C-alpha atoms as a PDB file:
ATOM      1  CA  MET A   1      47.338  18.237 100.887  1.00  0.00           C
ATOM      2  CA  GLU A   2      44.368  20.489 101.782  1.00  0.00           C
ATOM      3  CA  GLU A   3      44.154  23.947 100.931  1.00  0.00           C
ATOM      4  CA  VAL A   4      44.004  26.277 104.344  1.00  0.00           C
ATOM      5  CA  LYS A   5      41.641  29.841 102.981  1.00  0.00           C
ATOM      6  CA  THR A   6      42.932  32.735 104.454  1.00  0.00           C
ATOM      7  CA  LEU A   7      41.575  36.461 104.693  1.00  0.00           C
ATOM      8  CA  GLU A   8      43.203  39.966 105.222  1.00  0.00           C
ATOM      9  CA  ILE A   9      41.430  42.289 107.856  1.00  0.00           C
ATOM     10  CA  ASP A  10      42.787  45.198 109.119  1.00  0.00           C
ATOM     11  CA  GLY A  11      46.470  43.609 107.942  1.00  0.00           C
ATOM     12  CA  LYS A  12      45.851  40.439 110.249  1.00  0.00           C
ATOM     13  CA  GLU A  13      46.057  37.096 108.076  1.00  0.00           C
ATOM     14  CA  TYR A  14      43.140  34.528 109.254  1.00  0.00           C
ATOM     15  CA  PHE A  15      42.318  31.188 108.748  1.00  0.00           C
ATOM     16  CA  LEU A  16      39.528  28.995 107.820  1.00  0.00           C
ATOM     17  CA  VAL A  17      38.708  27.320 110.784  1.00  0.00           C
ATOM     18  CA  ASP A  18      35.306  25.685 109.971  1.00  0.00           C
ATOM     19  CA  SER A  19      32.279  25.960 108.149  1.00  0.00           C
ATOM     20  CA  ILE A  20      28.664  25.641 109.221  1.00  0.00           C
ATOM     21  CA  SER A  21      24.996  24.976 107.356  1.00  0.00           C
ATOM     22  CA  ASN A  22      21.912  26.355 108.807  1.00  0.00           C
ATOM     23  CA  ASN A  23      18.522  26.568 107.345  1.00  0.00           C
ATOM     24  CA  GLU A  24      19.496  28.295 103.571  1.00  0.00           C
ATOM     25  CA  LYS A  25      22.768  30.129 104.888  1.00  0.00           C
ATOM     26  CA  THR A  26      26.642  29.073 105.251  1.00  0.00           C
ATOM     27  CA  TYR A  27      28.847  30.550 108.572  1.00  0.00           C
ATOM     28  CA  TYR A  28      32.659  30.668 108.018  1.00  0.00           C
ATOM     29  CA  TYR A  29      34.360  30.354 111.175  1.00  0.00           C
ATOM     30  CA  PHE A  30      37.838  32.763 110.850  1.00  0.00           C
ATOM     31  CA  SER A  31      40.301  33.071 113.242  1.00  0.00           C
ATOM     32  CA  ASN A  32      43.662  34.945 113.378  1.00  0.00           C
ATOM     33  CA  GLU A  33      46.943  33.356 113.391  1.00  0.00           C
ATOM     34  CA  SER A  34      48.590  34.972 116.232  1.00  0.00           C
ATOM     35  CA  ASP A  35      45.708  34.911 118.428  1.00  0.00           C
ATOM     36  CA  VAL A  36      43.323  32.550 118.396  1.00  0.00           C
ATOM     37  CA  SER A  37      41.020  34.275 120.630  1.00  0.00           C
ATOM     38  CA  ASP A  38      40.349  37.319 117.665  1.00  0.00           C
ATOM     39  CA  ILE A  39      37.649  35.425 115.659  1.00  0.00           C
ATOM     40  CA  TYR A  40      35.283  36.665 112.671  1.00  0.00           C
ATOM     41  CA  VAL A  41      32.105  35.057 111.956  1.00  0.00           C
ATOM     42  CA  LEU A  42      30.933  35.944 108.406  1.00  0.00           C
ATOM     43  CA  THR A  43      28.065  34.424 105.988  1.00  0.00           C
ATOM     44  CA  ASP A  44      28.974  34.458 102.132  1.00  0.00           C
ATOM     45  CA  LYS A  45      26.359  37.215  99.963  1.00  0.00           C
ATOM     46  CA  GLU A  46      26.467  37.282  96.573  1.00  0.00           C
ATOM     47  CA  LYS A  47      25.466  40.775  93.703  1.00  0.00           C
ATOM     48  CA  ASP A  48      25.870  41.278  90.839  1.00  0.00           C
ATOM     49  CA  GLY A  49      26.984  37.591  90.207  1.00  0.00           C
ATOM     50  CA  GLN A  50      30.365  38.436  92.551  1.00  0.00           C
ATOM     51  CA  GLU A  51      30.580  36.484  96.170  1.00  0.00           C
ATOM     52  CA  TYR A  52      31.396  37.807  99.500  1.00  0.00           C
ATOM     53  CA  PHE A  53      31.945  37.373 102.789  1.00  0.00           C
ATOM     54  CA  VAL A  54      29.979  39.948 104.842  1.00  0.00           C
ATOM     55  CA  SER A  55      29.003  40.067 109.265  1.00  0.00           C
ATOM     56  CA  PRO A  56      25.946  38.455 110.344  1.00  0.00           C
ATOM     57  CA  SER A  57      23.397  41.734 109.384  1.00  0.00           C
ATOM     58  CA  THR A  58      21.924  41.445 112.971  1.00  0.00           C
ATOM     59  CA  GLU A  59      23.547  40.395 117.413  1.00  0.00           C
ATOM     60  CA  HIS A  60      20.889  37.904 117.572  1.00  0.00           C
ATOM     61  CA  GLU A  61      22.204  36.201 113.920  1.00  0.00           C
ATOM     62  CA  TYR A  62      25.989  36.337 115.350  1.00  0.00           C
ATOM     63  CA  ASN A  63      24.547  34.683 118.648  1.00  0.00           C
ATOM     64  CA  SER A  64      23.248  32.124 117.043  1.00  0.00           C
ATOM     65  CA  ALA A  65      25.320  31.441 114.423  1.00  0.00           C
ATOM     66  CA  LEU A  66      28.386  31.304 117.628  1.00  0.00           C
ATOM     67  CA  ALA A  67      26.476  28.737 119.265  1.00  0.00           C
ATOM     68  CA  LEU A  68      26.063  26.746 116.458  1.00  0.00           C
ATOM     69  CA  PHE A  69      29.562  26.768 116.071  1.00  0.00           C
ATOM     70  CA  LEU A  70      30.186  26.068 120.069  1.00  0.00           C
ATOM     71  CA  LYS A  71      27.105  23.064 119.722  1.00  0.00           C
ATOM     72  CA  LYS A  72      29.415  20.959 116.885  1.00  0.00           C
ATOM     73  CA  HIS A  73      32.279  21.748 118.935  1.00  0.00           C
ATOM     74  CA  ARG A  74      31.647  21.597 122.640  1.00  0.00           C
ATOM     75  CA  GLU A  75      33.522  18.461 123.547  1.00  0.00           C
ATOM     76  CA  ASP A  76      36.071  19.570 121.343  1.00  0.00           C
ATOM     77  CA  ILE A  77      36.331  23.137 123.945  1.00  0.00           C
ATOM     78  CA  GLU A  78      35.929  20.644 127.415  1.00  0.00           C
ATOM     79  CA  LYS A  79      39.114  19.428 126.793  1.00  0.00           C
ATOM     80  CA  THR A  80      40.937  21.981 125.540  1.00  0.00           C
ATOM     81  CA  THR A  81      39.543  24.236 128.540  1.00  0.00           C
ATOM     82  CA  ASN A  82      39.745  21.670 131.414  1.00  0.00           C
ATOM     83  CA  ASN A  83      43.657  21.041 130.677  1.00  0.00           C
ATOM     84  CA  SER A  84      45.272  24.649 131.007  1.00  0.00           C
END
């Protein structure tokens, strides 16, 4: 059985939907359990030997990370929106 990574932000539970590596960064896509349209795009950062998640540093980087997700999951997204 695979372990599901979760993260609590502002009292809400988010689960890891996907991770995508691009260049030297890995982006993590978390979705709210109660509202799948509520997402966080995060990347990991290391400081003083500790790893933690941070938001992309610029709006451009955030948009690029979203574009990576959309490109990877385009077919799934189209199937979902066409069935609605």
